[in-house]
């Protein structure tokens, strides 16, 4: 059976939280529970203050198995406004990841 995962490119996340909202709505989670969270990190650089937004799957993430059965992408990927998330076969995601930096792969 093919193994699927989620690639997140932290270079492009704008912190819009669309992924969180989409996940909550897709699964009917109550406020405060979601399969993906967006953390905000502030830090100093030689240019001044920088802010990075880091979306990360939680233990509730199942990569929207019910959507996959219908040939659809996970809700977080579909609704990501900055298109910083990709869903696909792990081998393909690793190849994409090798071409960039500040990326992670989530495989449940």
PDB file of N, CA and C in Angstrom:
ATOM      1  N   UNK A   1       0.828  -1.182   0.000  1.00  0.00           N
ATOM      2  CA  UNK A   1       0.000   0.000   0.000  1.00  0.00           C
ATOM      3  C   UNK A   1       0.874   1.247   0.000  1.00  0.00           C
ATOM      4  N   UNK A   2       0.542   2.222  -0.822  1.00  0.00           N
ATOM      5  CA  UNK A   2       1.318   3.448  -0.940  1.00  0.00           C
ATOM      6  C   UNK A   2       1.220   4.265   0.349  1.00  0.00           C
ATOM      7  N   UNK A   3       2.312   4.876   0.718  1.00  0.00           N
ATOM      8  CA  UNK A   3       2.371   5.692   1.939  1.00  0.00           C
ATOM      9  C   UNK A   3       2.323   7.165   1.556  1.00  0.00           C
ATOM     10  N   UNK A   4       1.354   7.877   2.114  1.00  0.00           N
ATOM     11  CA  UNK A   4       1.167   9.288   1.823  1.00  0.00           C
ATOM     12  C   UNK A   4       1.614  10.150   2.991  1.00  0.00           C
ATOM     13  N   UNK A   5       1.901  11.392   2.703  1.00  0.00           N
ATOM     14  CA  UNK A   5       2.327  12.316   3.738  1.00  0.00           C
ATOM     15  C   UNK A   5       1.996  13.748   3.367  1.00  0.00           C
ATOM     16  N   UNK A   6       2.443  14.630   4.220  1.00  0.00           N
ATOM     17  CA  UNK A   6       2.197  16.056   4.076  1.00  0.00           C
ATOM     18  C   UNK A   6       3.543  16.775   4.131  1.00  0.00           C
ATOM     19  N   UNK A   7       3.829  17.579   3.121  1.00  0.00           N
ATOM     20  CA  UNK A   7       5.048  18.392   3.085  1.00  0.00           C
ATOM     21  C   UNK A   7       4.654  19.822   3.427  1.00  0.00           C
ATOM     22  N   UNK A   8       5.343  20.415   4.393  1.00  0.00           N
ATOM     23  CA  UNK A   8       5.077  21.795   4.782  1.00  0.00           C
ATOM     24  C   UNK A   8       6.331  22.617   4.543  1.00  0.00           C
ATOM     25  N   UNK A   9       6.191  23.665   3.742  1.00  0.00           N
ATOM     26  CA  UNK A   9       7.291  24.574   3.420  1.00  0.00           C
ATOM     27  C   UNK A   9       7.137  25.816   4.292  1.00  0.00           C
ATOM     28  N   UNK A  10       7.975  25.926   5.322  1.00  0.00           N
ATOM     29  CA  UNK A  10       7.864  27.028   6.272  1.00  0.00           C
ATOM     30  C   UNK A  10       8.277  28.374   5.683  1.00  0.00           C
ATOM     31  N   UNK A  11       8.878  28.382   4.512  1.00  0.00           N
ATOM     32  CA  UNK A  11       9.270  29.636   3.883  1.00  0.00           C
ATOM     33  C   UNK A  11       8.063  30.480   3.489  1.00  0.00           C
ATOM     34  N   UNK A  12       6.912  29.851   3.282  1.00  0.00           N
ATOM     35  CA  UNK A  12       5.783  30.565   2.697  1.00  0.00           C
ATOM     36  C   UNK A  12       4.551  30.701   3.579  1.00  0.00           C
ATOM     37  N   UNK A  13       4.531  30.075   4.745  1.00  0.00           N
ATOM     38  CA  UNK A  13       3.356  30.180   5.613  1.00  0.00           C
ATOM     39  C   UNK A  13       3.212  31.629   6.091  1.00  0.00           C
ATOM     40  N   UNK A  14       2.006  32.179   5.923  1.00  0.00           N
ATOM     41  CA  UNK A  14       1.736  33.562   6.324  1.00  0.00           C
ATOM     42  C   UNK A  14       1.007  33.657   7.656  1.00  0.00           C
ATOM     43  N   UNK A  15       0.701  32.533   8.264  1.00  0.00           N
ATOM     44  CA  UNK A  15       0.022  32.540   9.556  1.00  0.00           C
ATOM     45  C   UNK A  15      -1.449  32.863   9.478  1.00  0.00           C
ATOM     46  N   UNK A  16      -2.106  32.544   8.378  1.00  0.00           N
ATOM     47  CA  UNK A  16      -3.522  32.893   8.190  1.00  0.00           C
ATOM     48  C   UNK A  16      -4.459  31.976   8.983  1.00  0.00           C
ATOM     49  N   UNK A  17      -3.982  30.821   9.410  1.00  0.00           N
ATOM     50  CA  UNK A  17      -4.750  29.842  10.186  1.00  0.00           C
ATOM     51  C   UNK A  17      -5.883  29.175   9.399  1.00  0.00           C
ATOM     52  N   UNK A  18      -5.892  29.324   8.079  1.00  0.00           N
ATOM     53  CA  UNK A  18      -6.927  28.669   7.258  1.00  0.00           C
ATOM     54  C   UNK A  18      -6.878  27.155   7.420  1.00  0.00           C
ATOM     55  N   UNK A  19      -5.686  26.612   7.578  1.00  0.00           N
ATOM     56  CA  UNK A  19      -5.545  25.162   7.739  1.00  0.00           C
ATOM     57  C   UNK A  19      -6.243  24.685   9.011  1.00  0.00           C
ATOM     58  N   UNK A  20      -6.091  25.447  10.091  1.00  0.00           N
ATOM     59  CA  UNK A  20      -6.741  25.093  11.354  1.00  0.00           C
ATOM     60  C   UNK A  20      -8.265  25.111  11.209  1.00  0.00           C
ATOM     61  N   UNK A  21      -8.778  26.185  10.635  1.00  0.00           N
ATOM     62  CA  UNK A  21     -10.224  26.341  10.468  1.00  0.00           C
ATOM     63  C   UNK A  21     -10.782  25.237   9.569  1.00  0.00           C
ATOM     64  N   UNK A  22     -10.096  24.967   8.453  1.00  0.00           N
ATOM     65  CA  UNK A  22     -10.553  23.928   7.522  1.00  0.00           C
ATOM     66  C   UNK A  22     -10.598  22.565   8.205  1.00  0.00           C
ATOM     67  N   UNK A  23      -9.587  22.265   8.998  1.00  0.00           N
ATOM     68  CA  UNK A  23      -9.539  20.983   9.715  1.00  0.00           C
ATOM     69  C   UNK A  23     -10.674  20.882  10.727  1.00  0.00           C
ATOM     70  N   UNK A  24     -10.873  21.938  11.497  1.00  0.00           N
ATOM     71  CA  UNK A  24     -11.953  21.924  12.488  1.00  0.00           C
ATOM     72  C   UNK A  24     -13.309  21.716  11.824  1.00  0.00           C
ATOM     73  N   UNK A  25     -13.537  22.403  10.730  1.00  0.00           N
ATOM     74  CA  UNK A  25     -14.821  22.268  10.049  1.00  0.00           C
ATOM     75  C   UNK A  25     -14.986  20.888   9.418  1.00  0.00           C
ATOM     76  N   UNK A  26     -13.917  20.379   8.823  1.00  0.00           N
ATOM     77  CA  UNK A  26     -13.970  19.064   8.168  1.00  0.00           C
ATOM     78  C   UNK A  26     -14.307  17.953   9.163  1.00  0.00           C
ATOM     79  N   UNK A  27     -13.717  18.026  10.346  1.00  0.00           N
ATOM     80  CA  UNK A  27     -13.870  16.951  11.332  1.00  0.00           C
ATOM     81  C   UNK A  27     -14.893  17.255  12.424  1.00  0.00           C
ATOM     82  N   UNK A  28     -15.413  18.478  12.439  1.00  0.00           N
ATOM     83  CA  UNK A  28     -16.379  18.842  13.469  1.00  0.00           C
ATOM     84  C   UNK A  28     -15.763  18.972  14.852  1.00  0.00           C
ATOM     85  N   UNK A  29     -14.476  19.334  14.910  1.00  0.00           N
ATOM     86  CA  UNK A  29     -13.810  19.496  16.205  1.00  0.00           C
ATOM     87  C   UNK A  29     -14.320  20.755  16.907  1.00  0.00           C
ATOM     88  N   UNK A  30     -14.412  20.701  18.241  1.00  0.00           N
ATOM     89  CA  UNK A  30     -14.817  21.898  18.988  1.00  0.00           C
ATOM     90  C   UNK A  30     -13.669  22.916  19.032  1.00  0.00           C
ATOM     91  N   UNK A  31     -13.970  24.109  19.471  1.00  0.00           N
ATOM     92  CA  UNK A  31     -12.952  25.153  19.584  1.00  0.00           C
ATOM     93  C   UNK A  31     -11.781  24.662  20.438  1.00  0.00           C
ATOM     94  N   UNK A  32     -10.586  24.931  19.981  1.00  0.00           N
ATOM     95  CA  UNK A  32      -9.393  24.519  20.711  1.00  0.00           C
ATOM     96  C   UNK A  32      -8.826  23.183  20.282  1.00  0.00           C
ATOM     97  N   UNK A  33      -9.575  22.395  19.516  1.00  0.00           N
ATOM     98  CA  UNK A  33      -9.080  21.108  19.025  1.00  0.00           C
ATOM     99  C   UNK A  33      -8.978  21.171  17.514  1.00  0.00           C
ATOM    100  N   UNK A  34      -7.882  20.648  16.999  1.00  0.00           N
ATOM    101  CA  UNK A  34      -7.684  20.625  15.552  1.00  0.00           C
ATOM    102  C   UNK A  34      -6.566  19.649  15.216  1.00  0.00           C
ATOM    103  N   UNK A  35      -6.546  19.211  13.987  1.00  0.00           N
ATOM    104  CA  UNK A  35      -5.514  18.276  13.538  1.00  0.00           C
ATOM    105  C   UNK A  35      -4.237  18.973  13.099  1.00  0.00           C
ATOM    106  N   UNK A  36      -4.276  20.321  13.023  1.00  0.00           N
ATOM    107  CA  UNK A  36      -3.083  21.086  12.663  1.00  0.00           C
ATOM    108  C   UNK A  36      -3.129  22.422  13.400  1.00  0.00           C
ATOM    109  N   UNK A  37      -1.996  22.845  13.888  1.00  0.00           N
ATOM    110  CA  UNK A  37      -1.892  24.119  14.607  1.00  0.00           C
ATOM    111  C   UNK A  37      -0.822  24.974  13.936  1.00  0.00           C
ATOM    112  N   UNK A  38      -0.963  26.274  14.085  1.00  0.00           N
ATOM    113  CA  UNK A  38       0.040  27.207  13.555  1.00  0.00           C
ATOM    114  C   UNK A  38       0.664  27.924  14.742  1.00  0.00           C
ATOM    115  N   UNK A  39       1.967  27.717  14.915  1.00  0.00           N
ATOM    116  CA  UNK A  39       2.712  28.388  15.978  1.00  0.00           C
ATOM    117  C   UNK A  39       3.428  29.600  15.391  1.00  0.00           C
ATOM    118  N   UNK A  40       3.592  30.630  16.217  1.00  0.00           N
ATOM    119  CA  UNK A  40       4.270  31.853  15.787  1.00  0.00           C
ATOM    120  C   UNK A  40       5.556  32.008  16.584  1.00  0.00           C
ATOM    121  N   UNK A  41       6.645  32.285  15.877  1.00  0.00           N
ATOM    122  CA  UNK A  41       7.942  32.470  16.517  1.00  0.00           C
ATOM    123  C   UNK A  41       8.527  33.813  16.108  1.00  0.00           C
ATOM    124  N   UNK A  42       8.899  34.624  17.097  1.00  0.00           N
ATOM    125  CA  UNK A  42       9.568  35.898  16.844  1.00  0.00           C
ATOM    126  C   UNK A  42      11.031  35.745  17.247  1.00  0.00           C
ATOM    127  N   UNK A  43      11.923  36.311  16.441  1.00  0.00           N
ATOM    128  CA  UNK A  43      13.340  36.239  16.757  1.00  0.00           C
ATOM    129  C   UNK A  43      14.081  37.374  16.068  1.00  0.00           C
ATOM    130  N   UNK A  44      15.248  37.684  16.602  1.00  0.00           N
ATOM    131  CA  UNK A  44      16.088  38.750  16.057  1.00  0.00           C
ATOM    132  C   UNK A  44      17.000  38.211  14.963  1.00  0.00           C
ATOM    133  N   UNK A  45      17.164  38.983  13.899  1.00  0.00           N
ATOM    134  CA  UNK A  45      18.117  38.673  12.841  1.00  0.00           C
ATOM    135  C   UNK A  45      18.994  39.902  12.646  1.00  0.00           C
ATOM    136  N   UNK A  46      19.971  39.810  11.789  1.00  0.00           N
ATOM    137  CA  UNK A  46      20.819  40.966  11.524  1.00  0.00           C
ATOM    138  C   UNK A  46      20.039  42.096  10.853  1.00  0.00           C
ATOM    139  N   UNK A  47      18.871  41.793  10.305  1.00  0.00           N
ATOM    140  CA  UNK A  47      18.024  42.814   9.676  1.00  0.00           C
ATOM    141  C   UNK A  47      16.981  43.371  10.653  1.00  0.00           C
ATOM    142  N   UNK A  48      16.835  42.767  11.815  1.00  0.00           N
ATOM    143  CA  UNK A  48      15.830  43.193  12.791  1.00  0.00           C
ATOM    144  C   UNK A  48      14.961  42.037  13.228  1.00  0.00           C
ATOM    145  N   UNK A  49      13.763  42.356  13.669  1.00  0.00           N
ATOM    146  CA  UNK A  49      12.832  41.342  14.155  1.00  0.00           C
ATOM    147  C   UNK A  49      12.256  40.537  12.995  1.00  0.00           C
ATOM    148  N   UNK A  50      12.192  39.230  13.165  1.00  0.00           N
ATOM    149  CA  UNK A  50      11.586  38.339  12.157  1.00  0.00           C
ATOM    150  C   UNK A  50      10.504  37.511  12.831  1.00  0.00           C
ATOM    151  N   UNK A  51       9.490  37.173  12.062  1.00  0.00           N
ATOM    152  CA  UNK A  51       8.406  36.330  12.564  1.00  0.00           C
ATOM    153  C   UNK A  51       8.214  35.186  11.589  1.00  0.00           C
ATOM    154  N   UNK A  52       8.226  33.972  12.097  1.00  0.00           N
ATOM    155  CA  UNK A  52       7.938  32.785  11.287  1.00  0.00           C
ATOM    156  C   UNK A  52       6.681  32.121  11.831  1.00  0.00           C
ATOM    157  N   UNK A  53       5.898  31.580  10.916  1.00  0.00           N
ATOM    158  CA  UNK A  53       4.708  30.820  11.284  1.00  0.00           C
ATOM    159  C   UNK A  53       4.973  29.368  10.907  1.00  0.00           C
ATOM    160  N   UNK A  54       4.756  28.479  11.861  1.00  0.00           N
ATOM    161  CA  UNK A  54       5.070  27.073  11.653  1.00  0.00           C
ATOM    162  C   UNK A  54       3.837  26.197  11.868  1.00  0.00           C
ATOM    163  N   UNK A  55       3.172  25.781  10.779  1.00  0.00           N
ATOM    164  CA  UNK A  55       2.062  24.846  10.931  1.00  0.00           C
ATOM    165  C   UNK A  55       2.605  23.448  11.233  1.00  0.00           C
ATOM    166  N   UNK A  56       1.964  22.771  12.162  1.00  0.00           N
ATOM    167  CA  UNK A  56       2.393  21.408  12.480  1.00  0.00           C
ATOM    168  C   UNK A  56       1.172  20.540  12.802  1.00  0.00           C
ATOM    169  N   UNK A  57       1.152  19.324  12.280  1.00  0.00           N
ATOM    170  CA  UNK A  57       0.050  18.391  12.566  1.00  0.00           C
ATOM    171  C   UNK A  57       0.070  17.964  14.034  1.00  0.00           C
ATOM    172  N   UNK A  58      -1.113  17.762  14.590  1.00  0.00           N
ATOM    173  CA  UNK A  58      -1.245  17.275  15.960  1.00  0.00           C
ATOM    174  C   UNK A  58      -1.570  15.779  15.920  1.00  0.00           C
ATOM    175  N   UNK A  59      -1.759  15.203  17.084  1.00  0.00           N
ATOM    176  CA  UNK A  59      -2.112  13.781  17.162  1.00  0.00           C
ATOM    177  C   UNK A  59      -3.480  13.486  16.551  1.00  0.00           C
ATOM    178  N   UNK A  60      -4.304  14.504  16.358  1.00  0.00           N
ATOM    179  CA  UNK A  60      -5.631  14.310  15.759  1.00  0.00           C
ATOM    180  C   UNK A  60      -5.579  14.218  14.238  1.00  0.00           C
ATOM    181  N   UNK A  61      -4.449  14.560  13.636  1.00  0.00           N
ATOM    182  CA  UNK A  61      -4.344  14.551  12.171  1.00  0.00           C
ATOM    183  C   UNK A  61      -4.373  13.128  11.625  1.00  0.00           C
ATOM    184  N   UNK A  62      -5.298  12.897  10.693  1.00  0.00           N
ATOM    185  CA  UNK A  62      -5.373  11.608  10.004  1.00  0.00           C
ATOM    186  C   UNK A  62      -5.216  11.796   8.488  1.00  0.00           C
ATOM    187  N   UNK A  63      -4.725  12.982   8.098  1.00  0.00           N
ATOM    188  CA  UNK A  63      -4.574  13.355   6.689  1.00  0.00           C
ATOM    189  C   UNK A  63      -5.906  13.244   5.935  1.00  0.00           C
ATOM    190  N   UNK A  64      -6.993  13.468   6.654  1.00  0.00           N
ATOM    191  CA  UNK A  64      -8.347  13.455   6.070  1.00  0.00           C
ATOM    192  C   UNK A  64      -8.594  12.196   5.241  1.00  0.00           C
ATOM    193  N   UNK A  65      -8.501  11.052   5.895  1.00  0.00           N
ATOM    194  CA  UNK A  65      -8.674   9.768   5.213  1.00  0.00           C
ATOM    195  C   UNK A  65      -9.998   9.714   4.442  1.00  0.00           C
ATOM    196  N   UNK A  66     -11.044  10.282   5.011  1.00  0.00           N
ATOM    197  CA  UNK A  66     -12.337  10.253   4.323  1.00  0.00           C
ATOM    198  C   UNK A  66     -12.291  11.061   3.024  1.00  0.00           C
ATOM    199  N   UNK A  67     -11.569  12.157   2.999  1.00  0.00           N
ATOM    200  CA  UNK A  67     -11.420  12.955   1.770  1.00  0.00           C
ATOM    201  C   UNK A  67     -10.562  12.190   0.758  1.00  0.00           C
ATOM    202  N   UNK A  68      -9.525  11.507   1.233  1.00  0.00           N
ATOM    203  CA  UNK A  68      -8.654  10.735   0.343  1.00  0.00           C
ATOM    204  C   UNK A  68      -9.448   9.661  -0.400  1.00  0.00           C
ATOM    205  N   UNK A  69     -10.390   9.037   0.284  1.00  0.00           N
ATOM    206  CA  UNK A  69     -11.201   7.985  -0.340  1.00  0.00           C
ATOM    207  C   UNK A  69     -11.994   8.514  -1.522  1.00  0.00           C
ATOM    208  N   UNK A  70     -12.276   9.819  -1.503  1.00  0.00           N
ATOM    209  CA  UNK A  70     -13.014  10.458  -2.599  1.00  0.00           C
ATOM    210  C   UNK A  70     -12.072  11.139  -3.598  1.00  0.00           C
ATOM    211  N   UNK A  71     -10.775  10.860  -3.475  1.00  0.00           N
ATOM    212  CA  UNK A  71      -9.802  11.435  -4.396  1.00  0.00           C
ATOM    213  C   UNK A  71      -9.476  12.892  -4.118  1.00  0.00           C
ATOM    214  N   UNK A  72      -9.809  13.360  -2.923  1.00  0.00           N
ATOM    215  CA  UNK A  72      -9.562  14.756  -2.558  1.00  0.00           C
ATOM    216  C   UNK A  72      -8.336  14.883  -1.661  1.00  0.00           C
ATOM    217  N   UNK A  73      -7.749  16.065  -1.668  1.00  0.00           N
ATOM    218  CA  UNK A  73      -6.619  16.367  -0.777  1.00  0.00           C
ATOM    219  C   UNK A  73      -7.150  16.659   0.624  1.00  0.00           C
ATOM    220  N   UNK A  74      -6.273  16.561   1.641  1.00  0.00           N
ATOM    221  CA  UNK A  74      -6.692  16.940   2.994  1.00  0.00           C
ATOM    222  C   UNK A  74      -7.197  18.384   3.014  1.00  0.00           C
ATOM    223  N   UNK A  75      -8.122  18.671   3.920  1.00  0.00           N
ATOM    224  CA  UNK A  75      -8.736  19.995   3.999  1.00  0.00           C
ATOM    225  C   UNK A  75      -7.692  21.094   4.216  1.00  0.00           C
ATOM    226  N   UNK A  76      -6.685  20.838   5.035  1.00  0.00           N
ATOM    227  CA  UNK A  76      -5.674  21.869   5.299  1.00  0.00           C
ATOM    228  C   UNK A  76      -4.920  22.243   4.023  1.00  0.00           C
ATOM    229  N   UNK A  77      -4.613  21.257   3.197  1.00  0.00           N
ATOM    230  CA  UNK A  77      -3.892  21.496   1.944  1.00  0.00           C
ATOM    231  C   UNK A  77      -4.783  22.256   0.965  1.00  0.00           C
ATOM    232  N   UNK A  78      -6.026  21.839   0.855  1.00  0.00           N
ATOM    233  CA  UNK A  78      -6.953  22.481  -0.078  1.00  0.00           C
ATOM    234  C   UNK A  78      -7.148  23.958   0.251  1.00  0.00           C
ATOM    235  N   UNK A  79      -7.230  24.288   1.518  1.00  0.00           N
ATOM    236  CA  UNK A  79      -7.565  25.652   1.928  1.00  0.00           C
ATOM    237  C   UNK A  79      -6.356  26.518   2.278  1.00  0.00           C
ATOM    238  N   UNK A  80      -5.156  25.993   2.148  1.00  0.00           N
ATOM    239  CA  UNK A  80      -3.950  26.773   2.457  1.00  0.00           C
ATOM    240  C   UNK A  80      -3.821  27.921   1.453  1.00  0.00           C
ATOM    241  N   UNK A  81      -3.922  29.151   1.941  1.00  0.00           N
ATOM    242  CA  UNK A  81      -3.896  30.318   1.065  1.00  0.00           C
ATOM    243  C   UNK A  81      -2.515  30.601   0.476  1.00  0.00           C
ATOM    244  N   UNK A  82      -1.466  30.223   1.187  1.00  0.00           N
ATOM    245  CA  UNK A  82      -0.116  30.477   0.680  1.00  0.00           C
ATOM    246  C   UNK A  82       0.444  29.293  -0.105  1.00  0.00           C
ATOM    247  N   UNK A  83      -0.343  28.222  -0.166  1.00  0.00           N
ATOM    248  CA  UNK A  83       0.066  27.006  -0.890  1.00  0.00           C
ATOM    249  C   UNK A  83       1.418  26.470  -0.387  1.00  0.00           C
ATOM    250  N   UNK A  84       1.594  26.510   0.934  1.00  0.00           N
ATOM    251  CA  UNK A  84       2.848  26.023   1.513  1.00  0.00           C
ATOM    252  C   UNK A  84       2.774  24.551   1.911  1.00  0.00           C
ATOM    253  N   UNK A  85       1.627  23.901   1.628  1.00  0.00           N
ATOM    254  CA  UNK A  85       1.459  22.488   1.967  1.00  0.00           C
ATOM    255  C   UNK A  85       1.199  21.675   0.712  1.00  0.00           C
ATOM    256  N   UNK A  86       1.819  20.501   0.687  1.00  0.00           N
ATOM    257  CA  UNK A  86       1.586  19.555  -0.409  1.00  0.00           C
ATOM    258  C   UNK A  86       1.226  18.214   0.198  1.00  0.00           C
ATOM    259  N   UNK A  87       0.347  17.500  -0.464  1.00  0.00           N
ATOM    260  CA  UNK A  87      -0.026  16.150  -0.068  1.00  0.00           C
ATOM    261  C   UNK A  87       0.365  15.219  -1.201  1.00  0.00           C
ATOM    262  N   UNK A  88       0.957  14.080  -0.861  1.00  0.00           N
ATOM    263  CA  UNK A  88       1.315  13.143  -1.904  1.00  0.00           C
ATOM    264  C   UNK A  88       2.063  11.942  -1.373  1.00  0.00           C
ATOM    265  N   UNK A  89       2.597  11.170  -2.309  1.00  0.00           N
ATOM    266  CA  UNK A  89       3.395   9.998  -1.948  1.00  0.00           C
ATOM    267  C   UNK A  89       4.690  10.451  -1.283  1.00  0.00           C
ATOM    268  N   UNK A  90       5.103   9.740  -0.248  1.00  0.00           N
ATOM    269  CA  UNK A  90       6.291  10.137   0.504  1.00  0.00           C
ATOM    270  C   UNK A  90       7.531  10.272  -0.376  1.00  0.00           C
ATOM    271  N   UNK A  91       7.723   9.346  -1.302  1.00  0.00           N
ATOM    272  CA  UNK A  91       8.890   9.401  -2.176  1.00  0.00           C
ATOM    273  C   UNK A  91       8.944  10.681  -2.987  1.00  0.00           C
ATOM    274  N   UNK A  92       7.782  11.102  -3.502  1.00  0.00           N
ATOM    275  CA  UNK A  92       7.711  12.341  -4.278  1.00  0.00           C
ATOM    276  C   UNK A  92       7.938  13.564  -3.393  1.00  0.00           C
ATOM    277  N   UNK A  93       7.416  13.521  -2.184  1.00  0.00           N
ATOM    278  CA  UNK A  93       7.591  14.644  -1.264  1.00  0.00           C
ATOM    279  C   UNK A  93       9.054  14.800  -0.855  1.00  0.00           C
ATOM    280  N   UNK A  94       9.741  13.677  -0.667  1.00  0.00           N
ATOM    281  CA  UNK A  94      11.164  13.727  -0.320  1.00  0.00           C
ATOM    282  C   UNK A  94      11.952  14.373  -1.454  1.00  0.00           C
ATOM    283  N   UNK A  95      11.634  14.034  -2.691  1.00  0.00           N
ATOM    284  CA  UNK A  95      12.304  14.631  -3.851  1.00  0.00           C
ATOM    285  C   UNK A  95      12.085  16.139  -3.872  1.00  0.00           C
ATOM    286  N   UNK A  96      10.868  16.582  -3.604  1.00  0.00           N
ATOM    287  CA  UNK A  96      10.573  18.017  -3.541  1.00  0.00           C
ATOM    288  C   UNK A  96      11.340  18.669  -2.402  1.00  0.00           C
ATOM    289  N   UNK A  97      11.388  18.011  -1.269  1.00  0.00           N
ATOM    290  CA  UNK A  97      12.061  18.556  -0.086  1.00  0.00           C
ATOM    291  C   UNK A  97      13.561  18.738  -0.321  1.00  0.00           C
ATOM    292  N   UNK A  98      14.152  17.861  -1.093  1.00  0.00           N
ATOM    293  CA  UNK A  98      15.591  17.946  -1.372  1.00  0.00           C
ATOM    294  C   UNK A  98      15.951  19.208  -2.147  1.00  0.00           C
ATOM    295  N   UNK A  99      14.965  19.830  -2.802  1.00  0.00           N
ATOM    296  CA  UNK A  99      15.221  21.022  -3.611  1.00  0.00           C
ATOM    297  C   UNK A  99      15.091  22.326  -2.823  1.00  0.00           C
ATOM    298  N   UNK A 100      14.664  22.251  -1.571  1.00  0.00           N
ATOM    299  CA  UNK A 100      14.433  23.470  -0.806  1.00  0.00           C
ATOM    300  C   UNK A 100      15.055  23.404   0.570  1.00  0.00           C
ATOM    301  N   UNK A 101      14.632  24.331   1.416  1.00  0.00           N
ATOM    302  CA  UNK A 101      15.075  24.338   2.812  1.00  0.00           C
ATOM    303  C   UNK A 101      13.920  24.843   3.667  1.00  0.00           C
ATOM    304  N   UNK A 102      14.014  24.649   4.970  1.00  0.00           N
ATOM    305  CA  UNK A 102      12.940  24.992   5.911  1.00  0.00           C
ATOM    306  C   UNK A 102      11.653  24.260   5.563  1.00  0.00           C
ATOM    307  N   UNK A 103      11.765  22.966   5.306  1.00  0.00           N
ATOM    308  CA  UNK A 103      10.611  22.123   5.003  1.00  0.00           C
ATOM    309  C   UNK A 103      10.608  20.927   5.928  1.00  0.00           C
ATOM    310  N   UNK A 104       9.407  20.398   6.189  1.00  0.00           N
ATOM    311  CA  UNK A 104       9.273  19.159   6.957  1.00  0.00           C
ATOM    312  C   UNK A 104       8.246  18.263   6.284  1.00  0.00           C
ATOM    313  N   UNK A 105       8.358  16.969   6.553  1.00  0.00           N
ATOM    314  CA  UNK A 105       7.390  16.008   6.057  1.00  0.00           C
ATOM    315  C   UNK A 105       6.714  15.356   7.254  1.00  0.00           C
ATOM    316  N   UNK A 106       5.398  15.284   7.205  1.00  0.00           N
ATOM    317  CA  UNK A 106       4.613  14.601   8.216  1.00  0.00           C
ATOM    318  C   UNK A 106       4.063  13.334   7.610  1.00  0.00           C
ATOM    319  N   UNK A 107       4.327  12.211   8.243  1.00  0.00           N
ATOM    320  CA  UNK A 107       3.805  10.921   7.783  1.00  0.00           C
ATOM    321  C   UNK A 107       3.227  10.201   9.001  1.00  0.00           C
ATOM    322  N   UNK A 108       1.902  10.075   9.057  1.00  0.00           N
ATOM    323  CA  UNK A 108       1.289   9.442  10.225  1.00  0.00           C
ATOM    324  C   UNK A 108       1.628   7.958  10.321  1.00  0.00           C
TER     325      UNK A 108
END
